[in-house]
N, C-alpha and C. Protein backbone atom coordinates (compact mmCIF):
# COMPACT_ATOMS: atom_id res chain seq x y z
N MET A 1 173.08 40.26 140.66
CA MET A 1 171.77 39.64 140.48
C MET A 1 171.64 38.45 141.40
N GLN A 2 170.41 38.14 141.75
CA GLN A 2 170.12 36.98 142.57
C GLN A 2 169.08 36.10 141.89
N LEU A 3 169.36 34.81 141.85
CA LEU A 3 168.43 33.83 141.28
C LEU A 3 167.85 33.01 142.42
N TYR A 4 166.55 33.12 142.62
CA TYR A 4 165.89 32.29 143.63
C TYR A 4 165.76 30.88 143.07
N TRP A 5 166.18 29.91 143.85
CA TRP A 5 166.67 28.66 143.32
C TRP A 5 166.30 27.47 144.20
N ALA A 6 166.06 26.32 143.58
CA ALA A 6 165.96 25.03 144.27
C ALA A 6 166.52 23.98 143.32
N SER A 7 167.35 23.11 143.84
CA SER A 7 168.05 22.15 142.99
C SER A 7 167.12 21.27 142.18
N ALA A 8 166.00 20.87 142.78
CA ALA A 8 165.13 19.89 142.12
C ALA A 8 164.28 20.48 141.00
N SER A 9 164.19 21.80 140.92
CA SER A 9 163.32 22.42 139.91
C SER A 9 163.95 22.39 138.53
N PRO A 10 163.30 21.77 137.55
CA PRO A 10 163.86 21.77 136.20
C PRO A 10 163.84 23.15 135.56
N PHE A 11 162.89 24.00 135.97
CA PHE A 11 162.83 25.35 135.43
C PHE A 11 163.98 26.20 135.95
N VAL A 12 164.31 26.03 137.22
CA VAL A 12 165.50 26.69 137.76
C VAL A 12 166.75 26.18 137.07
N ARG A 13 166.80 24.87 136.84
CA ARG A 13 168.00 24.30 136.22
C ARG A 13 168.24 24.91 134.84
N LYS A 14 167.18 25.13 134.07
CA LYS A 14 167.33 25.81 132.79
C LYS A 14 168.10 27.11 132.92
N CYS A 15 167.71 27.88 133.93
CA CYS A 15 168.37 29.17 134.15
C CYS A 15 169.81 28.99 134.57
N SER A 16 170.07 28.01 135.43
CA SER A 16 171.43 27.76 135.89
C SER A 16 172.33 27.34 134.74
N VAL A 17 171.84 26.48 133.86
CA VAL A 17 172.62 26.06 132.69
C VAL A 17 172.86 27.25 131.78
N CYS A 18 171.85 28.08 131.58
CA CYS A 18 172.00 29.28 130.76
C CYS A 18 173.09 30.19 131.33
N ILE A 19 173.09 30.36 132.64
CA ILE A 19 174.10 31.20 133.28
C ILE A 19 175.50 30.67 132.98
N ILE A 20 175.68 29.37 133.10
CA ILE A 20 177.00 28.77 132.84
C ILE A 20 177.37 28.91 131.37
N GLU A 21 176.43 28.60 130.49
CA GLU A 21 176.73 28.61 129.05
C GLU A 21 177.01 30.03 128.53
N THR A 22 176.51 31.04 129.24
CA THR A 22 176.78 32.42 128.83
C THR A 22 177.86 33.07 129.70
N GLY A 23 178.49 32.30 130.57
CA GLY A 23 179.64 32.78 131.34
C GLY A 23 179.32 33.82 132.38
N GLN A 24 178.15 33.70 133.04
CA GLN A 24 177.75 34.72 134.00
C GLN A 24 177.72 34.21 135.45
N GLN A 25 178.48 33.16 135.73
CA GLN A 25 178.45 32.58 137.07
C GLN A 25 178.81 33.59 138.15
N ASP A 26 179.75 34.48 137.85
CA ASP A 26 180.20 35.44 138.86
C ASP A 26 179.23 36.60 139.04
N SER A 27 178.23 36.69 138.18
CA SER A 27 177.29 37.81 138.24
C SER A 27 175.97 37.46 138.90
N VAL A 28 175.74 36.17 139.16
CA VAL A 28 174.45 35.73 139.67
C VAL A 28 174.65 34.92 140.95
N GLU A 29 174.04 35.38 142.02
CA GLU A 29 174.07 34.66 143.29
C GLU A 29 172.82 33.79 143.40
N GLN A 30 173.00 32.55 143.81
CA GLN A 30 171.86 31.66 144.02
C GLN A 30 171.34 31.81 145.44
N VAL A 31 170.01 31.99 145.55
CA VAL A 31 169.36 32.13 146.85
C VAL A 31 168.33 31.00 146.98
N SER A 32 168.47 30.21 148.03
CA SER A 32 167.60 29.05 148.20
C SER A 32 166.16 29.47 148.46
N ALA A 33 165.24 28.76 147.82
CA ALA A 33 163.80 28.99 148.02
C ALA A 33 163.09 27.66 147.83
N VAL A 34 162.19 27.34 148.75
CA VAL A 34 161.45 26.08 148.66
C VAL A 34 159.98 26.34 148.92
N GLY A 35 159.14 25.47 148.39
CA GLY A 35 157.71 25.62 148.62
C GLY A 35 156.92 24.70 147.73
N THR A 36 155.62 24.74 147.88
CA THR A 36 154.69 23.98 147.06
C THR A 36 153.51 24.88 146.71
N PRO A 37 152.61 24.43 145.85
CA PRO A 37 151.43 25.25 145.56
C PRO A 37 150.58 25.53 146.80
N LEU A 38 150.73 24.70 147.83
CA LEU A 38 149.96 24.90 149.06
C LEU A 38 150.69 25.72 150.11
N ASP A 39 151.99 25.94 149.91
CA ASP A 39 152.77 26.67 150.90
C ASP A 39 153.87 27.47 150.20
N SER A 40 153.62 28.74 150.04
CA SER A 40 154.61 29.61 149.38
C SER A 40 155.30 30.52 150.39
N SER A 41 155.25 30.17 151.68
CA SER A 41 155.78 31.04 152.71
C SER A 41 157.28 31.25 152.60
N GLN A 42 157.99 30.29 152.02
CA GLN A 42 159.44 30.41 151.85
C GLN A 42 159.83 30.81 150.43
N MET A 43 158.85 31.18 149.64
CA MET A 43 159.11 31.55 148.25
C MET A 43 159.24 33.07 148.14
N PRO A 44 159.86 33.55 147.04
CA PRO A 44 160.12 35.00 146.90
C PRO A 44 158.90 35.76 146.41
N THR A 45 157.83 35.75 147.22
CA THR A 45 156.58 36.38 146.79
C THR A 45 156.71 37.89 146.62
N SER A 46 157.68 38.52 147.30
CA SER A 46 157.86 39.95 147.12
C SER A 46 158.45 40.27 145.74
N HIS A 47 159.08 39.27 145.12
CA HIS A 47 159.64 39.44 143.78
C HIS A 47 158.77 38.82 142.70
N ASN A 48 158.09 37.73 143.03
CA ASN A 48 157.16 37.10 142.10
C ASN A 48 155.86 36.85 142.85
N PRO A 49 154.83 37.63 142.61
CA PRO A 49 153.58 37.48 143.36
C PRO A 49 152.93 36.11 143.16
N LEU A 50 153.33 35.39 142.12
CA LEU A 50 152.80 34.05 141.90
C LEU A 50 153.40 33.03 142.86
N GLY A 51 154.46 33.43 143.57
CA GLY A 51 155.07 32.53 144.54
C GLY A 51 155.77 31.35 143.92
N LYS A 52 156.40 31.58 142.77
CA LYS A 52 157.07 30.49 142.06
C LYS A 52 158.53 30.85 141.80
N ILE A 53 159.31 29.82 141.61
CA ILE A 53 160.69 29.99 141.17
C ILE A 53 160.83 29.35 139.80
N PRO A 54 161.83 29.83 139.04
CA PRO A 54 162.85 30.81 139.35
C PRO A 54 162.33 32.26 139.31
N ALA A 55 163.02 33.09 140.07
CA ALA A 55 162.84 34.54 140.00
C ALA A 55 164.23 35.16 140.04
N LEU A 56 164.43 36.19 139.25
CA LEU A 56 165.74 36.82 139.13
C LEU A 56 165.62 38.29 139.50
N THR A 57 166.32 38.70 140.56
CA THR A 57 166.36 40.12 140.90
C THR A 57 167.51 40.78 140.16
N ARG A 58 167.36 42.06 139.87
CA ARG A 58 168.39 42.82 139.15
C ARG A 58 168.38 44.25 139.65
N THR A 59 169.46 44.95 139.41
CA THR A 59 169.58 46.30 139.93
C THR A 59 168.94 47.35 139.04
N ASP A 60 168.68 47.00 137.78
CA ASP A 60 168.21 48.00 136.83
C ASP A 60 166.73 47.85 136.47
N GLY A 61 165.96 47.18 137.32
CA GLY A 61 164.55 47.03 137.03
C GLY A 61 163.91 46.03 137.96
N PRO A 62 162.61 45.81 137.81
CA PRO A 62 161.92 44.86 138.69
C PRO A 62 162.42 43.44 138.44
N ALA A 63 162.14 42.56 139.40
CA ALA A 63 162.53 41.16 139.27
C ALA A 63 161.84 40.53 138.06
N LEU A 64 162.52 39.58 137.48
CA LEU A 64 161.98 38.83 136.36
C LEU A 64 161.58 37.44 136.84
N TYR A 65 160.53 36.89 136.27
CA TYR A 65 160.15 35.52 136.58
C TYR A 65 159.55 34.85 135.37
N ASP A 66 159.47 33.52 135.48
CA ASP A 66 159.21 32.58 134.41
C ASP A 66 160.55 32.28 133.73
N SER A 67 160.88 31.01 133.64
CA SER A 67 162.21 30.64 133.17
C SER A 67 162.49 31.16 131.76
N ARG A 68 161.48 31.19 130.89
CA ARG A 68 161.72 31.66 129.52
C ARG A 68 162.03 33.15 129.48
N VAL A 69 161.44 33.92 130.39
CA VAL A 69 161.76 35.34 130.47
C VAL A 69 163.19 35.52 130.98
N ILE A 70 163.54 34.78 132.02
CA ILE A 70 164.86 34.92 132.64
C ILE A 70 165.96 34.51 131.67
N THR A 71 165.79 33.38 130.99
CA THR A 71 166.86 32.93 130.09
C THR A 71 167.01 33.86 128.90
N ARG A 72 165.92 34.41 128.43
CA ARG A 72 166.01 35.37 127.32
C ARG A 72 166.77 36.62 127.77
N TYR A 73 166.47 37.10 128.97
CA TYR A 73 167.16 38.26 129.51
C TYR A 73 168.64 37.98 129.69
N LEU A 74 168.97 36.85 130.30
CA LEU A 74 170.38 36.52 130.55
C LEU A 74 171.15 36.37 129.24
N ASN A 75 170.52 35.77 128.25
CA ASN A 75 171.18 35.62 126.96
C ASN A 75 171.45 36.98 126.33
N ASP A 76 170.46 37.86 126.37
CA ASP A 76 170.65 39.20 125.81
C ASP A 76 171.71 39.98 126.58
N LEU A 77 171.71 39.82 127.91
CA LEU A 77 172.66 40.54 128.74
C LEU A 77 174.10 40.16 128.38
N ALA A 78 174.30 38.92 128.04
CA ALA A 78 175.64 38.43 127.71
C ALA A 78 175.93 38.47 126.21
N ALA A 79 175.00 39.04 125.43
CA ALA A 79 175.12 39.02 123.96
C ALA A 79 175.36 37.59 123.49
N GLY A 80 174.58 36.66 124.05
CA GLY A 80 174.73 35.25 123.74
C GLY A 80 174.04 34.85 122.45
N SER A 81 174.12 33.57 122.14
CA SER A 81 173.56 33.05 120.88
C SER A 81 172.55 31.94 121.13
N LEU A 82 171.94 31.92 122.32
CA LEU A 82 171.02 30.84 122.66
C LEU A 82 169.63 31.03 122.06
N TYR A 83 169.35 32.22 121.54
CA TYR A 83 168.10 32.47 120.82
C TYR A 83 168.46 33.00 119.43
N PRO A 84 168.94 32.13 118.55
CA PRO A 84 169.44 32.57 117.24
C PRO A 84 168.33 33.11 116.35
N GLU A 85 168.55 34.25 115.78
CA GLU A 85 167.53 34.90 114.95
C GLU A 85 167.13 34.04 113.76
N ALA A 86 168.08 33.31 113.20
CA ALA A 86 167.81 32.54 111.99
C ALA A 86 166.80 31.43 112.21
N ARG A 87 166.71 30.92 113.43
CA ARG A 87 165.74 29.87 113.71
C ARG A 87 165.02 30.14 115.04
N LEU A 88 164.70 31.42 115.26
CA LEU A 88 164.15 31.83 116.53
C LEU A 88 162.83 31.13 116.84
N TRP A 89 161.92 31.07 115.87
CA TRP A 89 160.59 30.53 116.16
C TRP A 89 160.67 29.03 116.43
N GLU A 90 161.57 28.34 115.76
CA GLU A 90 161.76 26.92 116.04
C GLU A 90 162.33 26.73 117.45
N THR A 91 163.31 27.57 117.80
CA THR A 91 163.90 27.49 119.14
C THR A 91 162.85 27.74 120.21
N LEU A 92 162.05 28.77 120.03
CA LEU A 92 161.03 29.10 121.02
C LEU A 92 159.98 27.99 121.13
N THR A 93 159.60 27.42 120.00
CA THR A 93 158.59 26.36 120.02
C THR A 93 159.10 25.11 120.70
N LEU A 94 160.34 24.72 120.39
CA LEU A 94 160.89 23.54 121.04
C LEU A 94 161.14 23.80 122.52
N GLU A 95 161.55 25.01 122.87
CA GLU A 95 161.70 25.34 124.30
C GLU A 95 160.35 25.22 125.00
N ALA A 96 159.28 25.71 124.38
CA ALA A 96 157.95 25.60 124.97
C ALA A 96 157.53 24.15 125.11
N THR A 97 157.91 23.32 124.15
CA THR A 97 157.59 21.89 124.23
C THR A 97 158.29 21.26 125.43
N ALA A 98 159.57 21.58 125.60
CA ALA A 98 160.31 21.06 126.75
C ALA A 98 159.70 21.57 128.06
N ASP A 99 159.34 22.84 128.11
CA ASP A 99 158.72 23.39 129.31
C ASP A 99 157.40 22.68 129.61
N GLY A 100 156.65 22.33 128.57
CA GLY A 100 155.40 21.60 128.77
C GLY A 100 155.63 20.22 129.35
N ILE A 101 156.69 19.56 128.91
CA ILE A 101 157.05 18.26 129.50
C ILE A 101 157.37 18.44 130.98
N MET A 102 158.17 19.46 131.30
CA MET A 102 158.51 19.71 132.70
C MET A 102 157.26 19.99 133.52
N GLU A 103 156.39 20.83 133.00
CA GLU A 103 155.19 21.19 133.75
C GLU A 103 154.34 19.96 134.06
N ALA A 104 154.13 19.12 133.05
CA ALA A 104 153.35 17.90 133.27
C ALA A 104 154.01 17.00 134.31
N ALA A 105 155.32 16.87 134.22
CA ALA A 105 156.05 16.01 135.16
C ALA A 105 156.00 16.55 136.57
N VAL A 106 156.10 17.87 136.73
CA VAL A 106 156.02 18.49 138.06
C VAL A 106 154.62 18.33 138.63
N LEU A 107 153.60 18.51 137.81
CA LEU A 107 152.23 18.36 138.29
C LEU A 107 151.94 16.94 138.75
N MET A 108 152.55 15.97 138.11
CA MET A 108 152.41 14.59 138.56
C MET A 108 152.97 14.43 139.98
N ILE A 109 154.09 15.05 140.25
CA ILE A 109 154.68 14.99 141.58
C ILE A 109 153.78 15.69 142.59
N TYR A 110 153.27 16.87 142.23
CA TYR A 110 152.42 17.61 143.16
C TYR A 110 151.13 16.86 143.50
N GLU A 111 150.63 16.10 142.55
CA GLU A 111 149.40 15.35 142.83
C GLU A 111 149.61 14.39 144.00
N GLY A 112 150.78 13.74 144.02
CA GLY A 112 151.06 12.83 145.12
C GLY A 112 151.52 13.52 146.38
N ARG A 113 152.13 14.68 146.24
CA ARG A 113 152.72 15.35 147.39
C ARG A 113 151.76 16.31 148.09
N CYS A 114 150.84 16.90 147.33
CA CYS A 114 150.03 17.99 147.88
C CYS A 114 148.57 17.61 148.14
N ARG A 115 148.12 16.49 147.63
CA ARG A 115 146.72 16.11 147.83
C ARG A 115 146.65 14.89 148.74
N PRO A 116 145.64 14.83 149.61
CA PRO A 116 145.45 13.63 150.43
C PRO A 116 145.29 12.40 149.53
N LYS A 117 145.75 11.27 150.02
CA LYS A 117 145.77 10.07 149.20
C LYS A 117 144.39 9.71 148.66
N ASP A 118 143.36 9.91 149.48
CA ASP A 118 142.01 9.53 149.04
C ASP A 118 141.43 10.52 148.02
N GLN A 119 142.14 11.63 147.78
CA GLN A 119 141.67 12.60 146.79
C GLN A 119 142.53 12.62 145.52
N GLN A 120 143.56 11.81 145.50
CA GLN A 120 144.45 11.78 144.34
C GLN A 120 143.78 11.06 143.17
N SER A 121 144.07 11.55 141.98
CA SER A 121 143.46 10.99 140.77
C SER A 121 144.51 10.35 139.88
N GLY A 122 144.46 9.03 139.78
CA GLY A 122 145.36 8.33 138.88
C GLY A 122 145.11 8.71 137.43
N ALA A 123 143.83 8.94 137.09
CA ALA A 123 143.49 9.33 135.72
C ALA A 123 144.11 10.67 135.37
N TRP A 124 144.11 11.59 136.34
CA TRP A 124 144.70 12.91 136.09
C TRP A 124 146.21 12.79 135.91
N VAL A 125 146.86 11.97 136.73
CA VAL A 125 148.30 11.74 136.58
C VAL A 125 148.59 11.14 135.21
N ASP A 126 147.80 10.16 134.81
CA ASP A 126 148.01 9.53 133.51
C ASP A 126 147.82 10.53 132.37
N ALA A 127 146.88 11.45 132.54
CA ALA A 127 146.66 12.47 131.52
C ALA A 127 147.87 13.38 131.39
N GLN A 128 148.49 13.72 132.52
CA GLN A 128 149.71 14.53 132.46
C GLN A 128 150.82 13.77 131.75
N TRP A 129 150.94 12.49 132.06
CA TRP A 129 151.98 11.69 131.40
C TRP A 129 151.72 11.58 129.91
N SER A 130 150.46 11.52 129.52
CA SER A 130 150.12 11.47 128.09
C SER A 130 150.58 12.73 127.37
N LYS A 131 150.44 13.88 128.03
CA LYS A 131 150.94 15.12 127.43
C LYS A 131 152.44 15.02 127.19
N ALA A 132 153.15 14.53 128.21
CA ALA A 132 154.60 14.41 128.09
C ALA A 132 154.99 13.43 126.99
N THR A 133 154.32 12.30 126.91
CA THR A 133 154.71 11.30 125.91
C THR A 133 154.38 11.75 124.49
N ARG A 134 153.28 12.47 124.32
CA ARG A 134 153.00 13.02 122.99
C ARG A 134 154.09 14.00 122.57
N ALA A 135 154.52 14.82 123.51
CA ALA A 135 155.60 15.77 123.21
C ALA A 135 156.90 15.04 122.90
N LEU A 136 157.22 14.02 123.67
CA LEU A 136 158.44 13.25 123.42
C LEU A 136 158.40 12.58 122.05
N ASP A 137 157.25 12.06 121.69
CA ASP A 137 157.12 11.43 120.37
C ASP A 137 157.32 12.45 119.26
N ALA A 138 156.78 13.65 119.45
CA ALA A 138 156.95 14.70 118.44
C ALA A 138 158.41 15.08 118.29
N VAL A 139 159.13 15.15 119.40
CA VAL A 139 160.56 15.48 119.34
C VAL A 139 161.32 14.38 118.61
N GLU A 140 161.02 13.14 118.95
CA GLU A 140 161.68 12.00 118.27
C GLU A 140 161.43 12.03 116.77
N ASP A 141 160.20 12.38 116.39
CA ASP A 141 159.81 12.32 114.98
C ASP A 141 160.25 13.53 114.17
N ARG A 142 160.31 14.74 114.82
CA ARG A 142 160.43 15.95 114.03
C ARG A 142 161.55 16.90 114.44
N TRP A 143 162.14 16.70 115.61
CA TRP A 143 163.02 17.74 116.13
C TRP A 143 164.47 17.31 116.33
N ILE A 144 164.83 16.10 115.97
CA ILE A 144 166.19 15.63 116.23
C ILE A 144 167.22 16.46 115.47
N SER A 145 166.90 16.88 114.25
CA SER A 145 167.85 17.68 113.49
C SER A 145 168.12 19.01 114.19
N HIS A 146 167.10 19.60 114.81
CA HIS A 146 167.30 20.84 115.55
C HIS A 146 168.15 20.58 116.79
N LEU A 147 167.87 19.53 117.50
CA LEU A 147 168.64 19.20 118.69
C LEU A 147 170.11 18.94 118.35
N SER A 148 170.36 18.48 117.14
CA SER A 148 171.73 18.17 116.73
C SER A 148 172.49 19.37 116.18
N GLY A 149 171.82 20.52 116.09
CA GLY A 149 172.46 21.72 115.56
C GLY A 149 173.22 22.48 116.62
N PRO A 150 173.61 23.72 116.31
CA PRO A 150 174.34 24.55 117.28
C PRO A 150 173.53 24.75 118.56
N LEU A 151 174.22 24.86 119.67
CA LEU A 151 173.57 24.98 120.97
C LEU A 151 172.61 26.17 121.01
N ASP A 152 171.41 25.92 121.50
CA ASP A 152 170.46 26.99 121.73
C ASP A 152 169.64 26.67 122.98
N MET A 153 168.73 27.56 123.33
CA MET A 153 167.97 27.39 124.58
C MET A 153 167.01 26.23 124.50
N ALA A 154 166.54 25.89 123.31
CA ALA A 154 165.66 24.73 123.17
C ALA A 154 166.37 23.45 123.58
N GLN A 155 167.63 23.33 123.18
CA GLN A 155 168.39 22.15 123.57
C GLN A 155 168.58 22.09 125.08
N ILE A 156 168.91 23.21 125.67
CA ILE A 156 169.09 23.25 127.13
C ILE A 156 167.79 22.86 127.82
N ALA A 157 166.67 23.42 127.39
CA ALA A 157 165.39 23.11 128.00
C ALA A 157 165.06 21.63 127.85
N MET A 158 165.30 21.08 126.67
CA MET A 158 164.99 19.67 126.46
C MET A 158 165.90 18.77 127.30
N GLY A 159 167.17 19.12 127.39
CA GLY A 159 168.07 18.35 128.23
C GLY A 159 167.61 18.35 129.68
N CYS A 160 167.18 19.51 130.18
CA CYS A 160 166.69 19.60 131.56
C CYS A 160 165.39 18.82 131.74
N ALA A 161 164.53 18.87 130.74
CA ALA A 161 163.26 18.14 130.83
C ALA A 161 163.50 16.63 130.89
N LEU A 162 164.35 16.13 130.03
CA LEU A 162 164.59 14.69 129.98
C LEU A 162 165.25 14.20 131.27
N GLU A 163 166.18 14.98 131.79
CA GLU A 163 166.82 14.55 133.03
C GLU A 163 165.88 14.68 134.22
N TYR A 164 164.91 15.59 134.16
CA TYR A 164 163.91 15.65 135.22
C TYR A 164 163.03 14.39 135.18
N LEU A 165 162.72 13.90 133.99
CA LEU A 165 161.97 12.65 133.90
C LEU A 165 162.75 11.51 134.52
N ASP A 166 164.06 11.48 134.29
CA ASP A 166 164.89 10.47 134.94
C ASP A 166 164.89 10.64 136.45
N PHE A 167 164.93 11.88 136.90
CA PHE A 167 165.04 12.20 138.32
C PHE A 167 163.76 11.84 139.08
N ARG A 168 162.61 12.14 138.50
CA ARG A 168 161.34 11.96 139.22
C ARG A 168 160.48 10.80 138.71
N HIS A 169 160.68 10.40 137.46
CA HIS A 169 159.77 9.40 136.87
C HIS A 169 160.55 8.31 136.12
N ALA A 170 161.65 7.87 136.70
CA ALA A 170 162.50 6.89 136.02
C ALA A 170 161.76 5.59 135.71
N ASP A 171 160.79 5.24 136.54
CA ASP A 171 160.07 3.98 136.35
C ASP A 171 159.21 3.98 135.09
N ARG A 172 158.95 5.16 134.53
CA ARG A 172 158.11 5.23 133.33
C ARG A 172 158.91 5.08 132.03
N ASP A 173 160.21 5.12 132.12
CA ASP A 173 161.11 4.80 131.00
C ASP A 173 160.76 5.58 129.72
N TRP A 174 161.00 6.88 129.74
CA TRP A 174 160.70 7.71 128.57
C TRP A 174 161.50 7.31 127.35
N ARG A 175 162.62 6.60 127.53
CA ARG A 175 163.49 6.24 126.41
C ARG A 175 162.90 5.16 125.50
N ALA A 176 161.98 4.37 126.00
CA ALA A 176 161.43 3.25 125.23
C ALA A 176 160.80 3.75 123.93
N GLY A 177 161.26 3.23 122.82
CA GLY A 177 160.73 3.61 121.52
C GLY A 177 161.24 4.94 120.99
N ARG A 178 162.21 5.53 121.67
CA ARG A 178 162.75 6.83 121.24
C ARG A 178 164.28 6.77 121.20
N PRO A 179 164.82 5.98 120.31
CA PRO A 179 166.28 5.76 120.32
C PRO A 179 167.09 7.00 119.98
N GLU A 180 166.60 7.83 119.06
CA GLU A 180 167.38 9.00 118.67
C GLU A 180 167.40 10.04 119.79
N LEU A 181 166.26 10.26 120.41
CA LEU A 181 166.21 11.21 121.51
C LEU A 181 167.04 10.71 122.70
N SER A 182 166.97 9.42 122.94
CA SER A 182 167.76 8.83 124.02
C SER A 182 169.26 9.01 123.78
N ALA A 183 169.68 8.76 122.55
CA ALA A 183 171.11 8.92 122.22
C ALA A 183 171.53 10.38 122.34
N TRP A 184 170.66 11.29 121.89
CA TRP A 184 170.99 12.72 122.01
C TRP A 184 171.14 13.11 123.47
N GLN A 185 170.21 12.65 124.31
CA GLN A 185 170.26 13.01 125.72
C GLN A 185 171.55 12.51 126.38
N GLU A 186 171.99 11.33 126.03
CA GLU A 186 173.22 10.80 126.62
C GLU A 186 174.42 11.68 126.27
N ARG A 187 174.44 12.18 125.04
CA ARG A 187 175.53 13.08 124.64
C ARG A 187 175.41 14.42 125.33
N PHE A 188 174.21 14.98 125.34
CA PHE A 188 174.02 16.32 125.89
C PHE A 188 174.28 16.35 127.39
N ALA A 189 173.98 15.28 128.08
CA ALA A 189 174.17 15.22 129.53
C ALA A 189 175.63 15.35 129.93
N MET A 190 176.54 15.16 128.98
CA MET A 190 177.97 15.23 129.29
C MET A 190 178.51 16.66 129.22
N ARG A 191 177.69 17.61 128.83
CA ARG A 191 178.16 19.00 128.82
C ARG A 191 178.50 19.42 130.25
N ASP A 192 179.52 20.25 130.39
CA ASP A 192 179.94 20.69 131.72
C ASP A 192 178.79 21.37 132.46
N SER A 193 178.00 22.16 131.74
CA SER A 193 176.91 22.89 132.39
C SER A 193 175.83 21.96 132.93
N MET A 194 175.61 20.84 132.24
CA MET A 194 174.64 19.87 132.70
C MET A 194 175.19 19.06 133.88
N MET A 195 176.45 18.72 133.80
CA MET A 195 177.07 17.99 134.88
C MET A 195 177.09 18.80 136.18
N ALA A 196 177.28 20.11 136.04
CA ALA A 196 177.40 20.98 137.20
C ALA A 196 176.06 21.31 137.85
N THR A 197 174.95 20.97 137.20
CA THR A 197 173.63 21.39 137.70
C THR A 197 172.73 20.20 137.97
N GLN A 198 173.31 19.04 138.23
CA GLN A 198 172.51 17.85 138.50
C GLN A 198 171.54 18.10 139.66
N PRO A 199 170.27 17.71 139.52
CA PRO A 199 169.32 17.92 140.61
C PRO A 199 169.57 16.97 141.77
N TYR A 200 169.22 17.40 142.96
CA TYR A 200 169.26 16.54 144.12
C TYR A 200 168.16 16.97 145.08
N VAL A 201 167.81 16.09 146.00
CA VAL A 201 166.76 16.38 146.97
C VAL A 201 167.40 16.80 148.28
């Protein structure tokens, strides 16, 4: 299998951590892909017509794309436990929450990177950050017990989301007023899979 990949993408990182946690490093080759919403010429459009990463090619069917599809497939392929049946809907909901934080954070970056300065909207950027902070507050208030339980894909997604905020938006200090989530992130960041997939530019 081949995973179309870029180090800075938090969605790709989710897949990379999943690969490590399910012991499939030797089965998945990473293939570099870079691009923006304005330029997908270097992206795997033949595998994902949306021109986005991650995308996973496989020998027994068409390529898969969207990180939640890929991680679910990889977990099933390895008979893993990252989507536990006993709390599946909670895991999926918290994973979606983490993905929403990532999406908002990535869109903030694209606003500055892809639009001319005189067309950029500070109000739009602030609105994206508001989505992220509402989600972070909900996790602090309602989801810490889930994050503290057995490893699942929601935890991996949240760990990747929080570290992406550190990577791209450190000046906004997501930790302020969220001591439990901050403490959890410090512990989770020490996992071998997280250490091995640190983003870089």
